Amino acid sequence: MTTITENIVDSGTDLIEKVSSPASRSGSTVERAGRMLEEGVSPAVIALQMTENSPNNQTYTQEDVQTLGKVHLDSKTKVTLTAKQTRALIKDQNEQTEIPADAIPQS
């Protein structure tokens, strides 16, 4: 049974998350999924809850949830994608997808 205090905290958290950044909401999701896995909640249950809550009609699988659990575990120690690495990989990808001005279409 939830207490009045828990309801107030949950409502406050929900309000804050509505105006949070995608990075903050992503971090919260990873952390919550990881905590639930650590406490023995079934990945199938977590996946169903995430699917039901998806604002973009995403379907989540048990494997997706297990991946979030891996990210959560690693994040306890450090980030697995640094800002510097991310910028470099995005820059490399953008350079690879640019079409050279002198390119001749192939048929």
Protein backbone atom coordinates (compact mmCIF):
# COMPACT_ATOMS: atom_id res chain seq x y z
CA MET A 1 0.00 0.00 0.00
CA THR A 2 1.42 3.37 -0.98
CA THR A 3 1.58 6.18 1.48
CA ILE A 4 0.60 9.81 1.00
CA THR A 5 4.30 10.72 1.02
CA GLU A 6 5.07 8.20 -1.75
CA ASN A 7 2.20 9.59 -3.84
CA ILE A 8 3.47 13.15 -3.42
CA VAL A 9 7.04 12.13 -4.36
CA ASP A 10 5.80 10.18 -7.40
CA SER A 11 3.63 13.08 -8.58
CA GLY A 12 6.51 15.53 -8.18
CA THR A 13 8.87 13.23 -10.06
CA ASP A 14 6.35 12.78 -12.88
CA LEU A 15 5.97 16.57 -13.22
CA ILE A 16 9.74 17.12 -13.34
CA GLU A 17 10.16 14.41 -15.97
CA LYS A 18 7.62 16.07 -18.27
CA VAL A 19 9.99 19.03 -18.69
CA SER A 20 13.26 17.04 -18.52
CA SER A 21 15.60 16.53 -21.46
CA PRO A 22 15.55 13.31 -23.49
CA ALA A 23 18.96 12.48 -21.98
CA SER A 24 17.58 12.80 -18.48
CA ARG A 25 14.48 10.74 -19.27
CA SER A 26 16.64 8.08 -20.98
CA GLY A 27 18.90 7.88 -17.96
CA SER A 28 15.91 7.53 -15.65
CA THR A 29 14.50 4.73 -17.80
CA VAL A 30 17.79 2.82 -17.90
CA GLU A 31 18.26 3.21 -14.16
CA ARG A 32 14.72 2.07 -13.36
CA ALA A 33 14.87 -0.94 -15.67
CA GLY A 34 18.23 -1.90 -14.19
CA ARG A 35 16.95 -1.56 -10.62
CA MET A 36 13.89 -3.67 -11.40
CA LEU A 37 16.08 -6.39 -12.93
CA GLU A 38 18.33 -6.33 -9.87
CA GLU A 39 15.25 -6.80 -7.68
CA GLY A 40 14.05 -9.79 -9.70
CA VAL A 41 11.25 -8.23 -11.76
CA SER A 42 10.78 -10.31 -14.90
CA PRO A 43 12.20 -8.77 -18.10
CA ALA A 44 8.91 -9.71 -19.79
CA VAL A 45 6.97 -7.62 -17.26
CA ILE A 46 9.31 -4.66 -17.68
CA ALA A 47 9.10 -4.92 -21.48
CA LEU A 48 5.31 -5.01 -21.36
CA GLN A 49 5.19 -1.97 -19.08
CA MET A 50 7.55 -0.03 -21.36
CA THR A 51 5.53 -1.03 -24.44
CA GLU A 52 2.29 0.08 -22.78
CA ASN A 53 3.87 3.44 -21.80
CA SER A 54 5.57 4.13 -25.14
CA PRO A 55 4.42 7.50 -26.55
CA ASN A 56 5.65 6.42 -30.01
CA ASN A 57 4.09 2.95 -30.06
CA GLN A 58 7.44 1.21 -29.68
CA THR A 59 7.40 -2.47 -28.83
CA TYR A 60 9.98 -3.53 -26.26
CA THR A 61 11.29 -7.07 -25.89
CA GLN A 62 12.92 -8.96 -23.05
CA GLU A 63 16.20 -8.61 -24.94
CA ASP A 64 15.78 -4.82 -25.03
CA VAL A 65 15.28 -4.83 -21.27
CA GLN A 66 18.36 -7.02 -20.74
CA THR A 67 20.36 -4.51 -22.79
CA LEU A 68 19.16 -1.70 -20.54
CA GLY A 69 20.30 -3.81 -17.60
CA LYS A 70 23.80 -4.08 -19.12
CA VAL A 71 23.96 -0.31 -19.65
CA HIS A 72 22.79 0.25 -16.07
CA LEU A 73 25.48 -2.07 -14.71
CA ASP A 74 28.26 -0.41 -16.72
CA SER A 75 26.98 3.05 -15.83
CA LYS A 76 27.59 2.34 -12.18
CA THR A 77 31.32 2.55 -13.03
CA LYS A 78 31.58 4.86 -16.06
CA VAL A 79 29.91 5.86 -19.30
CA THR A 80 30.36 3.47 -22.20
CA LEU A 81 30.15 6.19 -24.87
CA THR A 82 32.14 9.31 -24.08
CA ALA A 83 31.14 12.71 -25.47
CA LYS A 84 34.39 12.89 -27.46
CA GLN A 85 33.86 9.44 -29.01
CA THR A 86 30.25 10.27 -29.84
CA ARG A 87 31.14 13.52 -31.61
CA ALA A 88 33.92 11.79 -33.60
CA LEU A 89 31.72 8.88 -34.69
CA ILE A 90 28.86 11.18 -35.72
CA LYS A 91 31.30 13.39 -37.64
CA ASP A 92 32.77 10.33 -39.40
CA GLN A 93 29.29 9.05 -40.28
CA ASN A 94 28.21 12.42 -41.67
CA GLU A 95 31.34 12.60 -43.79
CA GLN A 96 30.68 9.09 -45.15
CA THR A 97 27.11 9.89 -46.17
CA GLU A 98 27.88 13.12 -48.01
CA ILE A 99 27.67 12.76 -51.79
CA PRO A 100 30.69 14.25 -53.56
CA ALA A 101 29.84 17.10 -55.93
CA ASP A 102 31.51 15.30 -58.86
CA ALA A 103 29.72 11.98 -58.28
CA ILE A 104 28.11 10.36 -61.32
CA PRO A 105 24.89 8.41 -60.65
CA GLN A 106 25.12 4.73 -61.47
CA SER A 107 22.30 2.94 -63.30
